[in-house]
PDB file of N, CA and C in Angstrom:
ATOM      1  N   UNK A   1       4.792   4.828  36.374  1.00  0.00           N
ATOM      2  CA  UNK A   1       6.434   4.783  37.455  1.00  0.00           C
ATOM      3  C   UNK A   1       5.803   3.714  38.439  1.00  0.00           C
ATOM      4  N   UNK A   2       4.620   4.093  38.771  1.00  0.00           N
ATOM      5  CA  UNK A   2       3.979   2.871  40.500  1.00  0.00           C
ATOM      6  C   UNK A   2       4.638   1.652  40.348  1.00  0.00           C
ATOM      7  N   UNK A   3       4.452   1.088  38.729  1.00  0.00           N
ATOM      8  CA  UNK A   3       4.544  -0.089  38.851  1.00  0.00           C
ATOM      9  C   UNK A   3       6.313  -0.448  38.824  1.00  0.00           C
ATOM     10  N   UNK A   4       6.735   0.251  38.369  1.00  0.00           N
ATOM     11  CA  UNK A   4       8.378   0.661  38.582  1.00  0.00           C
ATOM     12  C   UNK A   4       8.871   0.768  39.778  1.00  0.00           C
ATOM     13  N   UNK A   5       8.493   1.141  40.449  1.00  0.00           N
ATOM     14  CA  UNK A   5       8.809   1.476  41.868  1.00  0.00           C
ATOM     15  C   UNK A   5       8.524   0.109  42.722  1.00  0.00           C
ATOM     16  N   UNK A   6       7.287  -0.621  42.739  1.00  0.00           N
ATOM     17  CA  UNK A   6       7.365  -1.455  43.510  1.00  0.00           C
ATOM     18  C   UNK A   6       7.831  -2.601  42.821  1.00  0.00           C
ATOM     19  N   UNK A   7       8.147  -2.922  41.705  1.00  0.00           N
ATOM     20  CA  UNK A   7       8.805  -3.861  41.156  1.00  0.00           C
ATOM     21  C   UNK A   7      10.095  -3.708  41.438  1.00  0.00           C
ATOM     22  N   UNK A   8      10.655  -2.625  42.006  1.00  0.00           N
ATOM     23  CA  UNK A   8      12.037  -2.395  42.199  1.00  0.00           C
ATOM     24  C   UNK A   8      12.263  -2.729  43.566  1.00  0.00           C
ATOM     25  N   UNK A   9      11.277  -2.033  44.547  1.00  0.00           N
ATOM     26  CA  UNK A   9      11.466  -2.710  46.071  1.00  0.00           C
ATOM     27  C   UNK A   9      11.080  -4.151  46.232  1.00  0.00           C
ATOM     28  N   UNK A  10       9.990  -4.515  45.322  1.00  0.00           N
ATOM     29  CA  UNK A  10      10.026  -6.074  45.226  1.00  0.00           C
ATOM     30  C   UNK A  10      11.508  -6.853  45.197  1.00  0.00           C
ATOM     31  N   UNK A  11      12.126  -6.444  44.033  1.00  0.00           N
ATOM     32  CA  UNK A  11      13.641  -7.148  43.889  1.00  0.00           C
ATOM     33  C   UNK A  11      14.622  -6.880  44.755  1.00  0.00           C
ATOM     34  N   UNK A  12      14.458  -5.720  45.705  1.00  0.00           N
ATOM     35  CA  UNK A  12      15.560  -5.335  46.656  1.00  0.00           C
ATOM     36  C   UNK A  12      15.050  -6.418  47.625  1.00  0.00           C
ATOM     37  N   UNK A  13      13.917  -6.596  48.277  1.00  0.00           N
ATOM     38  CA  UNK A  13      13.522  -7.318  49.223  1.00  0.00           C
ATOM     39  C   UNK A  13      13.769  -8.837  48.934  1.00  0.00           C
ATOM     40  N   UNK A  14      13.606  -9.394  47.690  1.00  0.00           N
ATOM     41  CA  UNK A  14      13.965 -10.701  47.281  1.00  0.00           C
ATOM     42  C   UNK A  14      15.190 -10.931  47.007  1.00  0.00           C
ATOM     43  N   UNK A  15      16.008 -10.125  46.435  1.00  0.00           N
ATOM     44  CA  UNK A  15      17.693 -10.004  46.579  1.00  0.00           C
ATOM     45  C   UNK A  15      17.977 -10.075  47.958  1.00  0.00           C
ATOM     46  N   UNK A  16      17.764  -9.249  49.023  1.00  0.00           N
ATOM     47  CA  UNK A  16      18.270  -9.190  50.451  1.00  0.00           C
ATOM     48  C   UNK A  16      17.511 -10.929  51.028  1.00  0.00           C
ATOM     49  N   UNK A  17      16.706 -11.269  50.560  1.00  0.00           N
ATOM     50  CA  UNK A  17      15.977 -12.162  51.278  1.00  0.00           C
ATOM     51  C   UNK A  17      16.966 -13.656  50.932  1.00  0.00           C
ATOM     52  N   UNK A  18      17.373 -13.841  49.663  1.00  0.00           N
ATOM     53  CA  UNK A  18      18.320 -14.879  49.144  1.00  0.00           C
ATOM     54  C   UNK A  18      19.415 -14.578  49.655  1.00  0.00           C
ATOM     55  N   UNK A  19      19.860 -13.312  50.010  1.00  0.00           N
ATOM     56  CA  UNK A  19      21.185 -13.586  50.492  1.00  0.00           C
ATOM     57  C   UNK A  19      21.198 -14.413  52.353  1.00  0.00           C
ATOM     58  N   UNK A  20      19.950 -13.474  52.773  1.00  0.00           N
ATOM     59  CA  UNK A  20      20.213 -14.599  53.951  1.00  0.00           C
ATOM     60  C   UNK A  20      19.662 -15.750  53.700  1.00  0.00           C
ATOM     61  N   UNK A  21      19.022 -16.281  53.164  1.00  0.00           N
ATOM     62  CA  UNK A  21      18.830 -17.436  52.954  1.00  0.00           C
ATOM     63  C   UNK A  21      20.398 -18.216  52.738  1.00  0.00           C
ATOM     64  N   UNK A  22      20.435 -17.953  51.837  1.00  0.00           N
ATOM     65  CA  UNK A  22      21.728 -18.741  51.213  1.00  0.00           C
ATOM     66  C   UNK A  22      23.156 -18.900  52.725  1.00  0.00           C
ATOM     67  N   UNK A  23      23.124 -17.420  53.274  1.00  0.00           N
ATOM     68  CA  UNK A  23      23.767 -17.611  54.148  1.00  0.00           C
ATOM     69  C   UNK A  23      23.705 -18.211  55.015  1.00  0.00           C
ATOM     70  N   UNK A  24      22.297 -18.909  55.514  1.00  0.00           N
ATOM     71  CA  UNK A  24      22.076 -19.743  56.442  1.00  0.00           C
ATOM     72  C   UNK A  24      22.435 -20.933  56.137  1.00  0.00           C
ATOM     73  N   UNK A  25      22.178 -21.274  54.889  1.00  0.00           N
ATOM     74  CA  UNK A  25      22.338 -22.275  53.983  1.00  0.00           C
ATOM     75  C   UNK A  25      23.383 -22.683  54.302  1.00  0.00           C
ATOM     76  N   UNK A  26      24.914 -22.058  53.728  1.00  0.00           N
ATOM     77  CA  UNK A  26      25.870 -22.194  53.117  1.00  0.00           C
ATOM     78  C   UNK A  26      26.759 -20.931  53.971  1.00  0.00           C
ATOM     79  N   UNK A  27      26.542 -21.144  55.339  1.00  0.00           N
ATOM     80  CA  UNK A  27      27.345 -20.584  56.090  1.00  0.00           C
ATOM     81  C   UNK A  27      28.539 -20.701  56.618  1.00  0.00           C
ATOM     82  N   UNK A  28      29.097 -21.625  56.349  1.00  0.00           N
ATOM     83  CA  UNK A  28      30.437 -22.517  56.656  1.00  0.00           C
ATOM     84  C   UNK A  28      31.470 -22.147  55.567  1.00  0.00           C
ATOM     85  N   UNK A  29      32.577 -20.973  56.310  1.00  0.00           N
ATOM     86  CA  UNK A  29      33.893 -20.868  54.594  1.00  0.00           C
ATOM     87  C   UNK A  29      34.268 -19.577  55.452  1.00  0.00           C
ATOM     88  N   UNK A  30      35.050 -19.242  54.186  1.00  0.00           N
ATOM     89  CA  UNK A  30      35.757 -17.754  54.167  1.00  0.00           C
ATOM     90  C   UNK A  30      34.895 -16.811  53.942  1.00  0.00           C
ATOM     91  N   UNK A  31      35.065 -15.569  54.393  1.00  0.00           N
ATOM     92  CA  UNK A  31      34.643 -14.356  53.869  1.00  0.00           C
ATOM     93  C   UNK A  31      35.350 -13.482  53.314  1.00  0.00           C
ATOM     94  N   UNK A  32      35.479 -13.663  52.192  1.00  0.00           N
ATOM     95  CA  UNK A  32      36.433 -13.032  51.126  1.00  0.00           C
ATOM     96  C   UNK A  32      36.447 -11.711  51.175  1.00  0.00           C
ATOM     97  N   UNK A  33      37.348 -10.820  51.366  1.00  0.00           N
ATOM     98  CA  UNK A  33      37.099  -9.442  51.233  1.00  0.00           C
ATOM     99  C   UNK A  33      36.416  -8.881  52.290  1.00  0.00           C
ATOM    100  N   UNK A  34      36.158  -9.505  53.657  1.00  0.00           N
ATOM    101  CA  UNK A  34      35.840  -8.813  54.454  1.00  0.00           C
ATOM    102  C   UNK A  34      37.010  -8.739  55.965  1.00  0.00           C
ATOM    103  N   UNK A  35      36.650  -7.415  56.690  1.00  0.00           N
ATOM    104  CA  UNK A  35      37.392  -7.306  57.247  1.00  0.00           C
ATOM    105  C   UNK A  35      36.773  -6.930  58.614  1.00  0.00           C
ATOM    106  N   UNK A  36      37.498  -7.855  59.763  1.00  0.00           N
ATOM    107  CA  UNK A  36      36.463  -7.740  61.064  1.00  0.00           C
ATOM    108  C   UNK A  36      37.346  -6.499  62.069  1.00  0.00           C
ATOM    109  N   UNK A  37      36.637  -5.590  62.658  1.00  0.00           N
ATOM    110  CA  UNK A  37      37.226  -4.664  63.196  1.00  0.00           C
ATOM    111  C   UNK A  37      36.612  -4.922  64.793  1.00  0.00           C
ATOM    112  N   UNK A  38      37.380  -4.206  65.826  1.00  0.00           N
ATOM    113  CA  UNK A  38      37.164  -4.281  67.043  1.00  0.00           C
ATOM    114  C   UNK A  38      37.573  -2.708  67.904  1.00  0.00           C
ATOM    115  N   UNK A  39      36.335  -2.225  68.159  1.00  0.00           N
ATOM    116  CA  UNK A  39      36.712  -0.822  68.870  1.00  0.00           C
ATOM    117  C   UNK A  39      37.371   0.200  67.614  1.00  0.00           C
ATOM    118  N   UNK A  40      37.029  -0.248  66.407  1.00  0.00           N
ATOM    119  CA  UNK A  40      37.629   0.821  65.340  1.00  0.00           C
ATOM    120  C   UNK A  40      39.316   0.475  64.863  1.00  0.00           C
ATOM    121  N   UNK A  41      39.600  -0.956  65.165  1.00  0.00           N
ATOM    122  CA  UNK A  41      40.969  -1.333  64.952  1.00  0.00           C
ATOM    123  C   UNK A  41      40.426  -2.883  64.365  1.00  0.00           C
ATOM    124  N   UNK A  42      41.281  -2.660  62.804  1.00  0.00           N
ATOM    125  CA  UNK A  42      41.269  -4.127  62.638  1.00  0.00           C
ATOM    126  C   UNK A  42      41.928  -5.372  63.008  1.00  0.00           C
ATOM    127  N   UNK A  43      41.217  -6.264  63.207  1.00  0.00           N
ATOM    128  CA  UNK A  43      41.917  -7.252  64.044  1.00  0.00           C
ATOM    129  C   UNK A  43      42.017  -8.404  62.607  1.00  0.00           C
ATOM    130  N   UNK A  44      41.633  -8.508  61.711  1.00  0.00           N
ATOM    131  CA  UNK A  44      41.796  -9.457  60.702  1.00  0.00           C
ATOM    132  C   UNK A  44      41.194  -9.657  59.109  1.00  0.00           C
ATOM    133  N   UNK A  45      41.511  -9.672  58.208  1.00  0.00           N
ATOM    134  CA  UNK A  45      40.762  -9.823  57.346  1.00  0.00           C
ATOM    135  C   UNK A  45      40.681 -11.331  56.561  1.00  0.00           C
ATOM    136  N   UNK A  46      39.467 -11.581  55.812  1.00  0.00           N
ATOM    137  CA  UNK A  46      38.946 -12.626  55.391  1.00  0.00           C
ATOM    138  C   UNK A  46      38.962 -14.064  56.381  1.00  0.00           C
ATOM    139  N   UNK A  47      38.366 -13.563  57.496  1.00  0.00           N
ATOM    140  CA  UNK A  47      37.785 -14.406  58.461  1.00  0.00           C
ATOM    141  C   UNK A  47      37.232 -15.671  57.947  1.00  0.00           C
ATOM    142  N   UNK A  48      37.287 -16.959  58.506  1.00  0.00           N
ATOM    143  CA  UNK A  48      36.346 -17.859  58.475  1.00  0.00           C
ATOM    144  C   UNK A  48      35.257 -17.593  59.374  1.00  0.00           C
ATOM    145  N   UNK A  49      33.923 -18.280  58.800  1.00  0.00           N
ATOM    146  CA  UNK A  49      32.758 -18.114  60.181  1.00  0.00           C
ATOM    147  C   UNK A  49      32.569 -19.700  59.678  1.00  0.00           C
ATOM    148  N   UNK A  50      31.285 -19.885  61.196  1.00  0.00           N
ATOM    149  CA  UNK A  50      31.076 -21.311  61.347  1.00  0.00           C
ATOM    150  C   UNK A  50      29.238 -20.453  61.832  1.00  0.00           C
ATOM    151  N   UNK A  51      28.339 -20.940  61.131  1.00  0.00           N
ATOM    152  CA  UNK A  51      27.181 -20.165  61.303  1.00  0.00           C
ATOM    153  C   UNK A  51      26.661 -21.082  62.106  1.00  0.00           C
ATOM    154  N   UNK A  52      26.612 -22.211  62.787  1.00  0.00           N
ATOM    155  CA  UNK A  52      26.061 -23.574  63.478  1.00  0.00           C
ATOM    156  C   UNK A  52      27.111 -23.017  64.746  1.00  0.00           C
ATOM    157  N   UNK A  53      28.342 -22.983  64.724  1.00  0.00           N
ATOM    158  CA  UNK A  53      28.339 -22.239  66.505  1.00  0.00           C
ATOM    159  C   UNK A  53      28.249 -20.679  66.625  1.00  0.00           C
ATOM    160  N   UNK A  54      28.175 -19.867  65.329  1.00  0.00           N
ATOM    161  CA  UNK A  54      28.323 -18.771  65.808  1.00  0.00           C
ATOM    162  C   UNK A  54      29.257 -17.941  65.873  1.00  0.00           C
ATOM    163  N   UNK A  55      30.339 -18.470  65.416  1.00  0.00           N
ATOM    164  CA  UNK A  55      31.675 -17.798  65.632  1.00  0.00           C
ATOM    165  C   UNK A  55      32.289 -17.457  64.248  1.00  0.00           C
ATOM    166  N   UNK A  56      33.236 -16.222  64.614  1.00  0.00           N
ATOM    167  CA  UNK A  56      34.266 -15.822  63.551  1.00  0.00           C
ATOM    168  C   UNK A  56      35.544 -16.125  64.009  1.00  0.00           C
ATOM    169  N   UNK A  57      36.326 -17.462  63.078  1.00  0.00           N
ATOM    170  CA  UNK A  57      37.694 -17.328  63.637  1.00  0.00           C
ATOM    171  C   UNK A  57      38.827 -16.259  62.722  1.00  0.00           C
ATOM    172  N   UNK A  58      39.597 -15.485  63.434  1.00  0.00           N
ATOM    173  CA  UNK A  58      40.786 -14.810  62.945  1.00  0.00           C
ATOM    174  C   UNK A  58      41.984 -15.430  63.008  1.00  0.00           C
ATOM    175  N   UNK A  59      42.782 -15.691  61.988  1.00  0.00           N
ATOM    176  CA  UNK A  59      43.946 -16.285  61.784  1.00  0.00           C
ATOM    177  C   UNK A  59      45.209 -14.965  62.164  1.00  0.00           C
TER     178      UNK A  59
END
């Protein structure tokens, strides 16, 4: 059971790391399915993001 729990934890950590790395490498484009909110109000859906300038563009 300990091996299973350790494997599950390692898999979750590796999965999260891969997602973060991929976002940094391929970080420009549309975030399909995402919703941008400000103060609880919806601003836009499917925004465009540019990681190099750290901007989210809503149309």
